[in-house]
Amino acid sequence: MEDTKQQTQTLLGKFENTEALVKAYEQLEEELSRRNQTIEQYENAERARNEEKKSREELYRAASGDEELKARILSEYLKEHKGVPLMTTSGTGVTAPPLKARSFDEAGKLALGYFKTNN
């Protein structure tokens, strides 16, 4: 009898009785379930991001081979962004000053003012 009690205490470890062990096991199952749900949510979000990235890449590849579609997209972009200087190579964009010269002297002054402020 004493031997059986000793074996039971050894099996229970730090738990006082079997009820405490069962309760701890149930709490552990709940926590594990919560963590698995969180991991699943992260995995689903990652899958969705990868699918979106993949579909955008496929769309890009399909559009890049269609010259008519590229021209249409560029045309729509330019209509939406009027007045935005486009840079086709390196360098700085030049925009016209809001003032218009009425003489060569005024044009010279405007040009000098431009060069002084942009150098």
PDB file of N, CA and C in Angstrom:
ATOM      1  N   MET A   1       0.815  -1.181   0.000  1.00  0.00           N
ATOM      2  CA  MET A   1       0.000   0.000   0.000  1.00  0.00           C
ATOM      3  C   MET A   1       0.868   1.258   0.000  1.00  0.00           C
ATOM      4  N   GLU A   2       1.849   1.296   0.840  1.00  0.00           N
ATOM      5  CA  GLU A   2       2.786   2.417   0.901  1.00  0.00           C
ATOM      6  C   GLU A   2       3.547   2.530  -0.406  1.00  0.00           C
ATOM      7  N   ASP A   3       3.862   1.395  -1.006  1.00  0.00           N
ATOM      8  CA  ASP A   3       4.590   1.350  -2.275  1.00  0.00           C
ATOM      9  C   ASP A   3       3.737   1.957  -3.393  1.00  0.00           C
ATOM     10  N   THR A   4       2.446   1.653  -3.410  1.00  0.00           N
ATOM     11  CA  THR A   4       1.526   2.191  -4.409  1.00  0.00           C
ATOM     12  C   THR A   4       1.402   3.695  -4.256  1.00  0.00           C
ATOM     13  N   LYS A   5       1.330   4.172  -3.030  1.00  0.00           N
ATOM     14  CA  LYS A   5       1.238   5.598  -2.761  1.00  0.00           C
ATOM     15  C   LYS A   5       2.492   6.315  -3.254  1.00  0.00           C
ATOM     16  N   GLN A   6       3.629   5.693  -3.043  1.00  0.00           N
ATOM     17  CA  GLN A   6       4.910   6.264  -3.488  1.00  0.00           C
ATOM     18  C   GLN A   6       4.957   6.332  -5.015  1.00  0.00           C
ATOM     19  N   GLN A   7       4.480   5.296  -5.688  1.00  0.00           N
ATOM     20  CA  GLN A   7       4.461   5.276  -7.157  1.00  0.00           C
ATOM     21  C   GLN A   7       3.521   6.371  -7.693  1.00  0.00           C
ATOM     22  N   THR A   8       2.367   6.520  -7.065  1.00  0.00           N
ATOM     23  CA  THR A   8       1.408   7.537  -7.481  1.00  0.00           C
ATOM     24  C   THR A   8       2.017   8.930  -7.323  1.00  0.00           C
ATOM     25  N   GLN A   9       2.683   9.190  -6.224  1.00  0.00           N
ATOM     26  CA  GLN A   9       3.327  10.483  -5.982  1.00  0.00           C
ATOM     27  C   GLN A   9       4.424  10.725  -7.014  1.00  0.00           C
ATOM     28  N   THR A  10       5.149   9.697  -7.381  1.00  0.00           N
ATOM     29  CA  THR A  10       6.195   9.827  -8.388  1.00  0.00           C
ATOM     30  C   THR A  10       5.582  10.175  -9.740  1.00  0.00           C
ATOM     31  N   LEU A  11       4.464   9.535 -10.095  1.00  0.00           N
ATOM     32  CA  LEU A  11       3.795   9.799 -11.363  1.00  0.00           C
ATOM     33  C   LEU A  11       3.194  11.207 -11.410  1.00  0.00           C
ATOM     34  N   LEU A  12       2.656  11.661 -10.281  1.00  0.00           N
ATOM     35  CA  LEU A  12       2.018  12.967 -10.253  1.00  0.00           C
ATOM     36  C   LEU A  12       3.036  14.101 -10.265  1.00  0.00           C
ATOM     37  N   GLY A  13       4.251  13.853  -9.855  1.00  0.00           N
ATOM     38  CA  GLY A  13       5.282  14.877  -9.852  1.00  0.00           C
ATOM     39  C   GLY A  13       4.920  16.026  -8.942  1.00  0.00           C
ATOM     40  N   LYS A  14       4.853  17.238  -9.488  1.00  0.00           N
ATOM     41  CA  LYS A  14       4.593  18.429  -8.675  1.00  0.00           C
ATOM     42  C   LYS A  14       3.112  18.640  -8.359  1.00  0.00           C
ATOM     43  N   PHE A  15       2.225  17.804  -8.905  1.00  0.00           N
ATOM     44  CA  PHE A  15       0.788  17.955  -8.674  1.00  0.00           C
ATOM     45  C   PHE A  15       0.381  17.215  -7.412  1.00  0.00           C
ATOM     46  N   GLU A  16      -0.542  17.844  -6.674  1.00  0.00           N
ATOM     47  CA  GLU A  16      -0.985  17.263  -5.404  1.00  0.00           C
ATOM     48  C   GLU A  16      -1.828  16.017  -5.597  1.00  0.00           C
ATOM     49  N   ASN A  17      -2.661  16.040  -6.653  1.00  0.00           N
ATOM     50  CA  ASN A  17      -3.541  14.897  -6.880  1.00  0.00           C
ATOM     51  C   ASN A  17      -3.875  14.833  -8.372  1.00  0.00           C
ATOM     52  N   THR A  18      -4.652  13.815  -8.732  1.00  0.00           N
ATOM     53  CA  THR A  18      -4.975  13.616 -10.148  1.00  0.00           C
ATOM     54  C   THR A  18      -5.865  14.731 -10.687  1.00  0.00           C
ATOM     55  N   GLU A  19      -6.730  15.311  -9.850  1.00  0.00           N
ATOM     56  CA  GLU A  19      -7.583  16.412 -10.305  1.00  0.00           C
ATOM     57  C   GLU A  19      -6.740  17.612 -10.729  1.00  0.00           C
ATOM     58  N   ALA A  20      -5.722  17.932  -9.939  1.00  0.00           N
ATOM     59  CA  ALA A  20      -4.838  19.051 -10.273  1.00  0.00           C
ATOM     60  C   ALA A  20      -4.089  18.764 -11.575  1.00  0.00           C
ATOM     61  N   LEU A  21      -3.684  17.539 -11.769  1.00  0.00           N
ATOM     62  CA  LEU A  21      -2.997  17.140 -12.998  1.00  0.00           C
ATOM     63  C   LEU A  21      -3.923  17.276 -14.207  1.00  0.00           C
ATOM     64  N   VAL A  22      -5.165  16.816 -14.070  1.00  0.00           N
ATOM     65  CA  VAL A  22      -6.142  16.903 -15.158  1.00  0.00           C
ATOM     66  C   VAL A  22      -6.427  18.365 -15.490  1.00  0.00           C
ATOM     67  N   LYS A  23      -6.590  19.200 -14.468  1.00  0.00           N
ATOM     68  CA  LYS A  23      -6.846  20.620 -14.682  1.00  0.00           C
ATOM     69  C   LYS A  23      -5.684  21.286 -15.423  1.00  0.00           C
ATOM     70  N   ALA A  24      -4.487  21.000 -15.015  1.00  0.00           N
ATOM     71  CA  ALA A  24      -3.295  21.568 -15.670  1.00  0.00           C
ATOM     72  C   ALA A  24      -3.211  21.092 -17.120  1.00  0.00           C
ATOM     73  N   TYR A  25      -3.540  19.846 -17.365  1.00  0.00           N
ATOM     74  CA  TYR A  25      -3.521  19.299 -18.724  1.00  0.00           C
ATOM     75  C   TYR A  25      -4.543  20.009 -19.608  1.00  0.00           C
ATOM     76  N   GLU A  26      -5.744  20.255 -19.065  1.00  0.00           N
ATOM     77  CA  GLU A  26      -6.788  20.949 -19.832  1.00  0.00           C
ATOM     78  C   GLU A  26      -6.368  22.382 -20.153  1.00  0.00           C
ATOM     79  N   GLN A  27      -5.748  23.053 -19.187  1.00  0.00           N
ATOM     80  CA  GLN A  27      -5.263  24.419 -19.427  1.00  0.00           C
ATOM     81  C   GLN A  27      -4.174  24.425 -20.497  1.00  0.00           C
ATOM     82  N   LEU A  28      -3.334  23.443 -20.440  1.00  0.00           N
ATOM     83  CA  LEU A  28      -2.271  23.325 -21.443  1.00  0.00           C
ATOM     84  C   LEU A  28      -2.852  23.088 -22.835  1.00  0.00           C
ATOM     85  N   GLU A  29      -3.873  22.255 -22.932  1.00  0.00           N
ATOM     86  CA  GLU A  29      -4.546  22.015 -24.215  1.00  0.00           C
ATOM     87  C   GLU A  29      -5.164  23.297 -24.760  1.00  0.00           C
ATOM     88  N   GLU A  30      -5.806  24.088 -23.878  1.00  0.00           N
ATOM     89  CA  GLU A  30      -6.417  25.350 -24.302  1.00  0.00           C
ATOM     90  C   GLU A  30      -5.360  26.318 -24.843  1.00  0.00           C
ATOM     91  N   GLU A  31      -4.262  26.434 -24.127  1.00  0.00           N
ATOM     92  CA  GLU A  31      -3.186  27.325 -24.560  1.00  0.00           C
ATOM     93  C   GLU A  31      -2.590  26.868 -25.885  1.00  0.00           C
ATOM     94  N   LEU A  32      -2.393  25.592 -26.020  1.00  0.00           N
ATOM     95  CA  LEU A  32      -1.860  25.051 -27.270  1.00  0.00           C
ATOM     96  C   LEU A  32      -2.820  25.315 -28.426  1.00  0.00           C
ATOM     97  N   SER A  33      -4.103  25.180 -28.170  1.00  0.00           N
ATOM     98  CA  SER A  33      -5.118  25.442 -29.186  1.00  0.00           C
ATOM     99  C   SER A  33      -5.092  26.911 -29.600  1.00  0.00           C
ATOM    100  N   ARG A  34      -4.995  27.824 -28.620  1.00  0.00           N
ATOM    101  CA  ARG A  34      -4.916  29.263 -28.926  1.00  0.00           C
ATOM    102  C   ARG A  34      -3.688  29.564 -29.779  1.00  0.00           C
ATOM    103  N   ARG A  35      -2.568  29.002 -29.407  1.00  0.00           N
ATOM    104  CA  ARG A  35      -1.325  29.239 -30.160  1.00  0.00           C
ATOM    105  C   ARG A  35      -1.425  28.687 -31.578  1.00  0.00           C
ATOM    106  N   ASN A  36      -2.015  27.525 -31.718  1.00  0.00           N
ATOM    107  CA  ASN A  36      -2.182  26.948 -33.059  1.00  0.00           C
ATOM    108  C   ASN A  36      -3.081  27.829 -33.924  1.00  0.00           C
ATOM    109  N   GLN A  37      -4.140  28.400 -33.321  1.00  0.00           N
ATOM    110  CA  GLN A  37      -5.022  29.301 -34.072  1.00  0.00           C
ATOM    111  C   GLN A  37      -4.275  30.554 -34.508  1.00  0.00           C
ATOM    112  N   THR A  38      -3.441  31.087 -33.624  1.00  0.00           N
ATOM    113  CA  THR A  38      -2.647  32.271 -33.962  1.00  0.00           C
ATOM    114  C   THR A  38      -1.681  31.954 -35.098  1.00  0.00           C
ATOM    115  N   ILE A  39      -1.013  30.841 -35.016  1.00  0.00           N
ATOM    116  CA  ILE A  39      -0.086  30.429 -36.070  1.00  0.00           C
ATOM    117  C   ILE A  39      -0.834  30.262 -37.391  1.00  0.00           C
ATOM    118  N   GLU A  40      -2.005  29.659 -37.329  1.00  0.00           N
ATOM    119  CA  GLU A  40      -2.812  29.462 -38.544  1.00  0.00           C
ATOM    120  C   GLU A  40      -3.215  30.806 -39.150  1.00  0.00           C
ATOM    121  N   GLN A  41      -3.560  31.786 -38.301  1.00  0.00           N
ATOM    122  CA  GLN A  41      -3.917  33.111 -38.811  1.00  0.00           C
ATOM    123  C   GLN A  41      -2.722  33.749 -39.522  1.00  0.00           C
ATOM    124  N   TYR A  42      -1.541  33.660 -38.926  1.00  0.00           N
ATOM    125  CA  TYR A  42      -0.333  34.214 -39.554  1.00  0.00           C
ATOM    126  C   TYR A  42      -0.035  33.502 -40.874  1.00  0.00           C
ATOM    127  N   GLU A  43      -0.174  32.194 -40.876  1.00  0.00           N
ATOM    128  CA  GLU A  43       0.087  31.432 -42.100  1.00  0.00           C
ATOM    129  C   GLU A  43      -0.906  31.809 -43.198  1.00  0.00           C
ATOM    130  N   ASN A  44      -2.189  31.986 -42.842  1.00  0.00           N
ATOM    131  CA  ASN A  44      -3.202  32.387 -43.831  1.00  0.00           C
ATOM    132  C   ASN A  44      -2.909  33.776 -44.384  1.00  0.00           C
ATOM    133  N   ALA A  45      -2.514  34.692 -43.511  1.00  0.00           N
ATOM    134  CA  ALA A  45      -2.189  36.049 -43.956  1.00  0.00           C
ATOM    135  C   ALA A  45      -0.982  36.016 -44.890  1.00  0.00           C
ATOM    136  N   GLU A  46       0.006  35.218 -44.558  1.00  0.00           N
ATOM    137  CA  GLU A  46       1.202  35.097 -45.406  1.00  0.00           C
ATOM    138  C   GLU A  46       0.845  34.493 -46.755  1.00  0.00           C
ATOM    139  N   ARG A  47      -0.011  33.475 -46.742  1.00  0.00           N
ATOM    140  CA  ARG A  47      -0.460  32.870 -48.003  1.00  0.00           C
ATOM    141  C   ARG A  47      -1.179  33.891 -48.875  1.00  0.00           C
ATOM    142  N   ALA A  48      -2.040  34.693 -48.249  1.00  0.00           N
ATOM    143  CA  ALA A  48      -2.787  35.722 -48.993  1.00  0.00           C
ATOM    144  C   ALA A  48      -1.827  36.746 -49.596  1.00  0.00           C
ATOM    145  N   ARG A  49      -0.814  37.163 -48.826  1.00  0.00           N
ATOM    146  CA  ARG A  49       0.184  38.113 -49.356  1.00  0.00           C
ATOM    147  C   ARG A  49       0.935  37.510 -50.526  1.00  0.00           C
ATOM    148  N   ASN A  50       1.301  36.254 -50.404  1.00  0.00           N
ATOM    149  CA  ASN A  50       2.028  35.593 -51.490  1.00  0.00           C
ATOM    150  C   ASN A  50       1.168  35.453 -52.738  1.00  0.00           C
ATOM    151  N   GLU A  51      -0.115  35.150 -52.553  1.00  0.00           N
ATOM    152  CA  GLU A  51      -1.028  35.035 -53.690  1.00  0.00           C
ATOM    153  C   GLU A  51      -1.198  36.377 -54.388  1.00  0.00           C
ATOM    154  N   GLU A  52      -1.336  37.439 -53.594  1.00  0.00           N
ATOM    155  CA  GLU A  52      -1.486  38.774 -54.175  1.00  0.00           C
ATOM    156  C   GLU A  52      -0.229  39.155 -54.948  1.00  0.00           C
ATOM    157  N   LYS A  53       0.920  38.878 -54.351  1.00  0.00           N
ATOM    158  CA  LYS A  53       2.197  39.181 -55.012  1.00  0.00           C
ATOM    159  C   LYS A  53       2.326  38.386 -56.308  1.00  0.00           C
ATOM    160  N   LYS A  54       1.940  37.123 -56.244  1.00  0.00           N
ATOM    161  CA  LYS A  54       2.018  36.260 -57.424  1.00  0.00           C
ATOM    162  C   LYS A  54       1.079  36.771 -58.519  1.00  0.00           C
ATOM    163  N   SER A  55      -0.156  37.150 -58.155  1.00  0.00           N
ATOM    164  CA  SER A  55      -1.107  37.602 -59.165  1.00  0.00           C
ATOM    165  C   SER A  55      -0.666  38.947 -59.745  1.00  0.00           C
ATOM    166  N   ARG A  56      -0.081  39.830 -58.927  1.00  0.00           N
ATOM    167  CA  ARG A  56       0.427  41.105 -59.444  1.00  0.00           C
ATOM    168  C   ARG A  56       1.585  40.862 -60.404  1.00  0.00           C
ATOM    169  N   GLU A  57       2.434  39.910 -60.085  1.00  0.00           N
ATOM    170  CA  GLU A  57       3.572  39.583 -60.962  1.00  0.00           C
ATOM    171  C   GLU A  57       3.066  39.006 -62.282  1.00  0.00           C
ATOM    172  N   GLU A  58       2.064  38.139 -62.224  1.00  0.00           N
ATOM    173  CA  GLU A  58       1.489  37.574 -63.448  1.00  0.00           C
ATOM    174  C   GLU A  58       0.844  38.662 -64.295  1.00  0.00           C
ATOM    175  N   LEU A  59       0.153  39.584 -63.642  1.00  0.00           N
ATOM    176  CA  LEU A  59      -0.470  40.702 -64.344  1.00  0.00           C
ATOM    177  C   LEU A  59       0.590  41.575 -65.014  1.00  0.00           C
ATOM    178  N   TYR A  60       1.673  41.833 -64.291  1.00  0.00           N
ATOM    179  CA  TYR A  60       2.769  42.626 -64.855  1.00  0.00           C
ATOM    180  C   TYR A  60       3.361  41.944 -66.090  1.00  0.00           C
ATOM    181  N   ARG A  61       3.628  40.653 -65.969  1.00  0.00           N
ATOM    182  CA  ARG A  61       4.202  39.921 -67.119  1.00  0.00           C
ATOM    183  C   ARG A  61       3.258  39.950 -68.314  1.00  0.00           C
ATOM    184  N   ALA A  62       1.975  39.792 -68.066  1.00  0.00           N
ATOM    185  CA  ALA A  62       1.004  39.807 -69.159  1.00  0.00           C
ATOM    186  C   ALA A  62       0.937  41.193 -69.802  1.00  0.00           C
ATOM    187  N   ALA A  63       0.953  42.232 -68.987  1.00  0.00           N
ATOM    188  CA  ALA A  63       0.850  43.596 -69.511  1.00  0.00           C
ATOM    189  C   ALA A  63       2.125  44.041 -70.198  1.00  0.00           C
ATOM    190  N   SER A  64       3.271  43.598 -69.717  1.00  0.00           N
ATOM    191  CA  SER A  64       4.530  44.071 -70.295  1.00  0.00           C
ATOM    192  C   SER A  64       4.744  43.552 -71.714  1.00  0.00           C
ATOM    193  N   GLY A  65       4.042  42.520 -72.102  1.00  0.00           N
ATOM    194  CA  GLY A  65       4.165  42.007 -73.459  1.00  0.00           C
ATOM    195  C   GLY A  65       3.166  42.624 -74.429  1.00  0.00           C
ATOM    196  N   ASP A  66       2.285  43.485 -73.944  1.00  0.00           N
ATOM    197  CA  ASP A  66       1.228  44.071 -74.765  1.00  0.00           C
ATOM    198  C   ASP A  66       1.500  45.565 -74.949  1.00  0.00           C
ATOM    199  N   GLU A  67       2.034  45.935 -76.107  1.00  0.00           N
ATOM    200  CA  GLU A  67       2.406  47.323 -76.374  1.00  0.00           C
ATOM    201  C   GLU A  67       1.196  48.259 -76.330  1.00  0.00           C
ATOM    202  N   GLU A  68       0.068  47.812 -76.830  1.00  0.00           N
ATOM    203  CA  GLU A  68      -1.140  48.637 -76.830  1.00  0.00           C
ATOM    204  C   GLU A  68      -1.589  48.936 -75.401  1.00  0.00           C
ATOM    205  N   LEU A  69      -1.540  47.935 -74.545  1.00  0.00           N
ATOM    206  CA  LEU A  69      -1.929  48.116 -73.151  1.00  0.00           C
ATOM    207  C   LEU A  69      -0.952  49.047 -72.435  1.00  0.00           C
ATOM    208  N   LYS A  70       0.338  48.887 -72.698  1.00  0.00           N
ATOM    209  CA  LYS A  70       1.324  49.768 -72.075  1.00  0.00           C
ATOM    210  C   LYS A  70       1.081  51.216 -72.492  1.00  0.00           C
ATOM    211  N   ALA A  71       0.793  51.452 -73.777  1.00  0.00           N
ATOM    212  CA  ALA A  71       0.526  52.808 -74.258  1.00  0.00           C
ATOM    213  C   ALA A  71      -0.720  53.376 -73.584  1.00  0.00           C
ATOM    214  N   ARG A  72      -1.734  52.562 -73.414  1.00  0.00           N
ATOM    215  CA  ARG A  72      -2.972  53.015 -72.766  1.00  0.00           C
ATOM    216  C   ARG A  72      -2.715  53.393 -71.309  1.00  0.00           C
ATOM    217  N   ILE A  73      -1.971  52.554 -70.596  1.00  0.00           N
ATOM    218  CA  ILE A  73      -1.667  52.825 -69.184  1.00  0.00           C
ATOM    219  C   ILE A  73      -0.862  54.110 -69.062  1.00  0.00           C
ATOM    220  N   LEU A  74       0.144  54.285 -69.929  1.00  0.00           N
ATOM    221  CA  LEU A  74       0.974  55.484 -69.891  1.00  0.00           C
ATOM    222  C   LEU A  74       0.134  56.720 -70.204  1.00  0.00           C
ATOM    223  N   SER A  75      -0.737  56.609 -71.179  1.00  0.00           N
ATOM    224  CA  SER A  75      -1.601  57.725 -71.553  1.00  0.00           C
ATOM    225  C   SER A  75      -2.495  58.130 -70.387  1.00  0.00           C
ATOM    226  N   GLU A  76      -3.094  57.170 -69.724  1.00  0.00           N
ATOM    227  CA  GLU A  76      -3.955  57.462 -68.578  1.00  0.00           C
ATOM    228  C   GLU A  76      -3.153  58.083 -67.437  1.00  0.00           C
ATOM    229  N   TYR A  77      -1.957  57.580 -67.229  1.00  0.00           N
ATOM    230  CA  TYR A  77      -1.091  58.134 -66.176  1.00  0.00           C
ATOM    231  C   TYR A  77      -0.771  59.600 -66.469  1.00  0.00           C
ATOM    232  N   LEU A  78      -0.415  59.892 -67.705  1.00  0.00           N
ATOM    233  CA  LEU A  78      -0.067  61.267 -68.072  1.00  0.00           C
ATOM    234  C   LEU A  78      -1.265  62.203 -67.953  1.00  0.00           C
ATOM    235  N   LYS A  79      -2.452  61.724 -68.262  1.00  0.00           N
ATOM    236  CA  LYS A  79      -3.661  62.544 -68.117  1.00  0.00           C
ATOM    237  C   LYS A  79      -3.903  62.874 -66.642  1.00  0.00           C
ATOM    238  N   GLU A  80      -3.660  61.908 -65.767  1.00  0.00           N
ATOM    239  CA  GLU A  80      -3.892  62.103 -64.334  1.00  0.00           C
ATOM    240  C   GLU A  80      -2.836  62.996 -63.696  1.00  0.00           C
ATOM    241  N   HIS A  81      -1.635  63.030 -64.258  1.00  0.00           N
ATOM    242  CA  HIS A  81      -0.513  63.747 -63.644  1.00  0.00           C
ATOM    243  C   HIS A  81      -0.022  64.878 -64.541  1.00  0.00           C
ATOM    244  N   LYS A  82      -0.918  65.739 -64.953  1.00  0.00           N
ATOM    245  CA  LYS A  82      -0.533  66.872 -65.790  1.00  0.00           C
ATOM    246  C   LYS A  82       0.368  67.808 -64.999  1.00  0.00           C
ATOM    247  N   GLY A  83       1.359  68.353 -65.679  1.00  0.00           N
ATOM    248  CA  GLY A  83       2.248  69.311 -65.037  1.00  0.00           C
ATOM    249  C   GLY A  83       3.383  68.677 -64.268  1.00  0.00           C
ATOM    250  N   VAL A  84       3.424  67.366 -64.193  1.00  0.00           N
ATOM    251  CA  VAL A  84       4.511  66.694 -63.495  1.00  0.00           C
ATOM    252  C   VAL A  84       5.633  66.470 -64.502  1.00  0.00           C
ATOM    253  N   PRO A  85       6.823  67.034 -64.260  1.00  0.00           N
ATOM    254  CA  PRO A  85       7.909  66.821 -65.216  1.00  0.00           C
ATOM    255  C   PRO A  85       8.338  65.353 -65.211  1.00  0.00           C
ATOM    256  N   LEU A  86       8.479  64.787 -66.383  1.00  0.00           N
ATOM    257  CA  LEU A  86       8.891  63.397 -66.497  1.00  0.00           C
ATOM    258  C   LEU A  86      10.393  63.325 -66.692  1.00  0.00           C
ATOM    259  N   MET A  87      10.996  62.369 -66.057  1.00  0.00           N
ATOM    260  CA  MET A  87      12.437  62.175 -66.161  1.00  0.00           C
ATOM    261  C   MET A  87      12.672  60.890 -66.953  1.00  0.00           C
ATOM    262  N   THR A  88      13.164  61.023 -68.156  1.00  0.00           N
ATOM    263  CA  THR A  88      13.438  59.824 -68.939  1.00  0.00           C
ATOM    264  C   THR A  88      14.878  59.369 -68.751  1.00  0.00           C
ATOM    265  N   THR A  89      15.743  60.280 -68.340  1.00  0.00           N
ATOM    266  CA  THR A  89      17.136  59.942 -68.035  1.00  0.00           C
ATOM    267  C   THR A  89      17.486  60.608 -66.715  1.00  0.00           C
ATOM    268  N   SER A  90      18.749  60.592 -66.372  1.00  0.00           N
ATOM    269  CA  SER A  90      19.136  61.243 -65.121  1.00  0.00           C
ATOM    270  C   SER A  90      19.181  62.750 -65.319  1.00  0.00           C
ATOM    271  N   GLY A  91      19.129  63.475 -64.240  1.00  0.00           N
ATOM    272  CA  GLY A  91      19.164  64.932 -64.306  1.00  0.00           C
ATOM    273  C   GLY A  91      18.037  65.514 -63.497  1.00  0.00           C
ATOM    274  N   THR A  92      17.884  66.820 -63.606  1.00  0.00           N
ATOM    275  CA  THR A  92      16.812  67.473 -62.862  1.00  0.00           C
ATOM    276  C   THR A  92      15.761  67.975 -63.828  1.00  0.00           C
ATOM    277  N   GLY A  93      14.546  67.988 -63.391  1.00  0.00           N
ATOM    278  CA  GLY A  93      13.448  68.478 -64.218  1.00  0.00           C
ATOM    279  C   GLY A  93      13.428  69.998 -64.225  1.00  0.00           C
ATOM    280  N   VAL A  94      13.025  70.571 -65.326  1.00  0.00           N
ATOM    281  CA  VAL A  94      12.933  72.021 -65.445  1.00  0.00           C
ATOM    282  C   VAL A  94      11.469  72.392 -65.595  1.00  0.00           C
ATOM    283  N   THR A  95      11.022  73.271 -64.749  1.00  0.00           N
ATOM    284  CA  THR A  95       9.661  73.774 -64.884  1.00  0.00           C
ATOM    285  C   THR A  95       9.734  75.263 -65.166  1.00  0.00           C
ATOM    286  N   ALA A  96       8.799  75.783 -65.954  1.00  0.00           N
ATOM    287  CA  ALA A  96       8.792  77.199 -66.313  1.00  0.00           C
ATOM    288  C   ALA A  96       8.418  78.039 -65.110  1.00  0.00           C
ATOM    289  N   PRO A  97       9.071  79.182 -64.954  1.00  0.00           N
ATOM    290  CA  PRO A  97       8.691  80.068 -63.849  1.00  0.00           C
ATOM    291  C   PRO A  97       7.306  80.639 -64.107  1.00  0.00           C
ATOM    292  N   PRO A  98       6.588  81.004 -63.049  1.00  0.00           N
ATOM    293  CA  PRO A  98       5.232  81.502 -63.242  1.00  0.00           C
ATOM    294  C   PRO A  98       5.172  82.863 -63.949  1.00  0.00           C
ATOM    295  N   LEU A  99       6.273  83.605 -63.962  1.00  0.00           N
ATOM    296  CA  LEU A  99       6.304  84.914 -64.613  1.00  0.00           C
ATOM    297  C   LEU A  99       6.751  84.781 -66.063  1.00  0.00           C
ATOM    298  N   LYS A 100       6.180  85.590 -66.915  1.00  0.00           N
ATOM    299  CA  LYS A 100       6.595  85.600 -68.318  1.00  0.00           C
ATOM    300  C   LYS A 100       7.304  86.918 -68.596  1.00  0.00           C
ATOM    301  N   ALA A 101       8.417  86.814 -69.264  1.00  0.00           N
ATOM    302  CA  ALA A 101       9.193  88.014 -69.579  1.00  0.00           C
ATOM    303  C   ALA A 101       8.498  88.815 -70.669  1.00  0.00           C
ATOM    304  N   ARG A 102       8.554  90.159 -70.529  1.00  0.00           N
ATOM    305  CA  ARG A 102       7.964  91.031 -71.536  1.00  0.00           C
ATOM    306  C   ARG A 102       9.039  91.657 -72.418  1.00  0.00           C
ATOM    307  N   SER A 103      10.298  91.418 -72.026  1.00  0.00           N
ATOM    308  CA  SER A 103      11.393  91.967 -72.840  1.00  0.00           C
ATOM    309  C   SER A 103      12.605  91.047 -72.698  1.00  0.00           C
ATOM    310  N   PHE A 104      13.644  91.325 -73.521  1.00  0.00           N
ATOM    311  CA  PHE A 104      14.870  90.527 -73.428  1.00  0.00           C
ATOM    312  C   PHE A 104      15.573  90.755 -72.100  1.00  0.00           C
ATOM    313  N   ASP A 105      15.498  91.982 -71.582  1.00  0.00           N
ATOM    314  CA  ASP A 105      16.114  92.267 -70.282  1.00  0.00           C
ATOM    315  C   ASP A 105      15.455  91.427 -69.183  1.00  0.00           C
ATOM    316  N   GLU A 106      14.120  91.405 -69.169  1.00  0.00           N
ATOM    317  CA  GLU A 106      13.401  90.602 -68.173  1.00  0.00           C
ATOM    318  C   GLU A 106      13.706  89.118 -68.342  1.00  0.00           C
ATOM    319  N   ALA A 107      13.792  88.656 -69.581  1.00  0.00           N
ATOM    320  CA  ALA A 107      14.117  87.245 -69.840  1.00  0.00           C
ATOM    321  C   ALA A 107      15.501  86.920 -69.306  1.00  0.00           C
ATOM    322  N   GLY A 108      16.444  87.835 -69.518  1.00  0.00           N
ATOM    323  CA  GLY A 108      17.805  87.628 -69.005  1.00  0.00           C
ATOM    324  C   GLY A 108      17.828  87.555 -67.492  1.00  0.00           C
ATOM    325  N   LYS A 109      17.085  88.450 -66.842  1.00  0.00           N
ATOM    326  CA  LYS A 109      17.033  88.462 -65.379  1.00  0.00           C
ATOM    327  C   LYS A 109      16.391  87.172 -64.847  1.00  0.00           C
ATOM    328  N   LEU A 110      15.319  86.739 -65.500  1.00  0.00           N
ATOM    329  CA  LEU A 110      14.673  85.493 -65.073  1.00  0.00           C
ATOM    330  C   LEU A 110      15.623  84.306 -65.229  1.00  0.00           C
ATOM    331  N   ALA A 111      16.328  84.262 -66.348  1.00  0.00           N
ATOM    332  CA  ALA A 111      17.272  83.167 -66.593  1.00  0.00           C
ATOM    333  C   ALA A 111      18.393  83.185 -65.564  1.00  0.00           C
ATOM    334  N   LEU A 112      18.967  84.369 -65.300  1.00  0.00           N
ATOM    335  CA  LEU A 112      20.033  84.459 -64.292  1.00  0.00           C
ATOM    336  C   LEU A 112      19.524  84.051 -62.913  1.00  0.00           C
ATOM    337  N   GLY A 113      18.307  84.499 -62.600  1.00  0.00           N
ATOM    338  CA  GLY A 113      17.726  84.108 -61.313  1.00  0.00           C
ATOM    339  C   GLY A 113      17.548  82.603 -61.211  1.00  0.00           C
ATOM    340  N   TYR A 114      17.139  81.996 -62.289  1.00  0.00           N
ATOM    341  CA  TYR A 114      16.971  80.546 -62.308  1.00  0.00           C
ATOM    342  C   TYR A 114      18.304  79.840 -62.084  1.00  0.00           C
ATOM    343  N   PHE A 115      19.328  80.277 -62.832  1.00  0.00           N
ATOM    344  CA  PHE A 115      20.642  79.613 -62.705  1.00  0.00           C
ATOM    345  C   PHE A 115      21.245  79.808 -61.330  1.00  0.00           C
ATOM    346  N   LYS A 116      21.043  80.952 -60.718  1.00  0.00           N
ATOM    347  CA  LYS A 116      21.601  81.211 -59.394  1.00  0.00           C
ATOM    348  C   LYS A 116      20.936  80.328 -58.336  1.00  0.00           C
ATOM    349  N   THR A 117      19.629  80.132 -58.438  1.00  0.00           N
ATOM    350  CA  THR A 117      18.919  79.340 -57.427  1.00  0.00           C
ATOM    351  C   THR A 117      19.068  77.851 -57.631  1.00  0.00           C
ATOM    352  N   ASN A 118      19.406  77.408 -58.832  1.00  0.00           N
ATOM    353  CA  ASN A 118      19.495  75.970 -59.104  1.00  0.00           C
ATOM    354  C   ASN A 118      20.919  75.453 -59.245  1.00  0.00           C
ATOM    355  N   ASN A 119      21.881  76.228 -58.903  1.00  0.00           N
ATOM    356  CA  ASN A 119      23.291  75.750 -58.953  1.00  0.00           C
ATOM    357  C   ASN A 119      23.924  75.757 -57.618  1.00  0.00           C
TER     358      ASN A 119
END
